[in-house]
Amino acid sequence: PQVSQAMEAAGGTLSGYVLAPVWDDAAPFYGLFVEEPEAGGLDALAAKLDAALGERNVEYASKRQSGRLGPVRGRVVPAGFFARFDRD
């Protein structure tokens, strides 16, 4: 529920998205995967979501502040990706 609440607070209007961990050499981060970019810009939405997650979860905020976790990054996946994933 924290992710849904944070997305609502961030003003996201996406009909579908996935927030999933991504392991990176510098620091792991959460990827915001969408099939269609957000009207106001996916990078802007990812930044607002990152802030909203920190407001709702003290562990998330702590890991972001210490650099153990990078900011949320938006990524567009091909159209139909989620339907194929569900089907497979």
Protein backbone atom coordinates (compact mmCIF):
# COMPACT_ATOMS: atom_id res chain seq x y z
CA PRO A 1 0.00 0.00 0.00
CA GLN A 2 2.90 2.44 0.57
CA VAL A 3 3.81 2.45 -3.12
CA SER A 4 0.21 3.04 -4.19
CA GLN A 5 -0.17 5.79 -1.60
CA ALA A 6 3.12 7.38 -2.68
CA MET A 7 2.12 7.24 -6.35
CA GLU A 8 -1.18 8.94 -5.53
CA ALA A 9 0.64 11.62 -3.52
CA ALA A 10 3.10 12.11 -6.40
CA GLY A 11 0.18 12.85 -8.71
CA GLY A 12 0.77 9.88 -11.00
CA THR A 13 -2.05 9.12 -13.42
CA LEU A 14 -0.62 5.92 -14.86
CA SER A 15 -3.08 3.13 -15.60
CA GLY A 16 -0.40 0.53 -14.94
CA TYR A 17 3.14 0.49 -13.64
CA VAL A 18 5.63 -1.73 -11.82
CA LEU A 19 8.08 -0.53 -9.20
CA ALA A 20 10.88 -3.09 -8.94
CA PRO A 21 14.40 -3.21 -7.51
CA VAL A 22 17.30 -2.84 -9.93
CA TRP A 23 20.78 -3.89 -8.84
CA ASP A 24 23.43 -1.43 -9.98
CA ASP A 25 27.18 -1.31 -9.37
CA ALA A 26 26.98 2.15 -7.81
CA ALA A 27 23.84 1.67 -5.69
CA PRO A 28 20.66 -0.33 -6.14
CA PHE A 29 17.54 1.65 -6.97
CA TYR A 30 13.89 1.13 -7.77
CA GLY A 31 12.85 1.29 -11.40
CA LEU A 32 9.43 2.68 -12.25
CA PHE A 33 8.49 0.65 -15.32
CA VAL A 34 5.67 1.95 -17.51
CA GLU A 35 4.35 1.26 -21.00
CA GLU A 36 3.47 4.91 -21.65
CA PRO A 37 5.43 7.91 -20.42
CA GLU A 38 3.63 10.17 -17.95
CA ALA A 39 2.20 13.33 -19.51
CA GLY A 40 4.22 15.59 -17.20
CA GLY A 41 7.42 13.61 -17.77
CA LEU A 42 8.50 10.28 -16.39
CA ASP A 43 11.64 11.66 -14.75
CA ALA A 44 9.59 14.26 -12.87
CA LEU A 45 7.12 11.61 -11.71
CA ALA A 46 9.97 9.32 -10.59
CA ALA A 47 11.46 12.16 -8.51
CA LYS A 48 8.10 12.93 -6.89
CA LEU A 49 7.53 9.24 -6.20
CA ASP A 50 10.99 8.96 -4.64
CA ALA A 51 10.20 11.85 -2.29
CA ALA A 52 6.75 10.47 -1.44
CA LEU A 53 8.22 7.05 -0.63
CA GLY A 54 10.69 8.68 1.74
CA GLU A 55 7.86 10.50 3.50
CA ARG A 56 6.00 7.22 4.07
CA ASN A 57 8.85 4.87 4.96
CA VAL A 58 11.65 5.84 7.34
CA GLU A 59 13.87 2.95 6.21
CA TYR A 60 13.57 4.06 2.59
CA ALA A 61 14.39 7.64 3.58
CA SER A 62 17.39 6.48 5.64
CA LYS A 63 18.81 4.38 2.79
CA ARG A 64 18.34 7.25 0.33
CA GLN A 65 20.02 9.73 2.68
CA SER A 66 23.00 7.43 3.30
CA GLY A 67 23.44 6.66 -0.40
CA ARG A 68 22.80 2.94 0.06
CA LEU A 69 19.84 3.30 -2.30
CA GLY A 70 19.67 5.44 -5.41
CA PRO A 71 16.66 7.49 -6.51
CA VAL A 72 13.71 6.00 -8.37
CA ARG A 73 14.37 5.95 -12.12
CA GLY A 74 11.67 5.83 -14.76
CA ARG A 75 11.90 3.33 -17.61
CA VAL A 76 9.53 2.83 -20.54
CA VAL A 77 8.95 -0.78 -21.59
CA PRO A 78 7.51 -1.82 -24.98
CA ALA A 79 3.73 -1.60 -25.47
CA GLY A 80 2.06 -4.86 -24.43
CA PHE A 81 4.91 -5.85 -22.11
CA PHE A 82 2.74 -6.28 -19.02
CA ALA A 83 0.07 -8.29 -20.88
CA ARG A 84 2.77 -10.63 -22.25
CA PHE A 85 4.34 -10.94 -18.82
CA ASP A 86 0.97 -11.84 -17.25
CA ARG A 87 0.21 -14.32 -20.02
CA ASP A 88 3.62 -16.02 -19.83
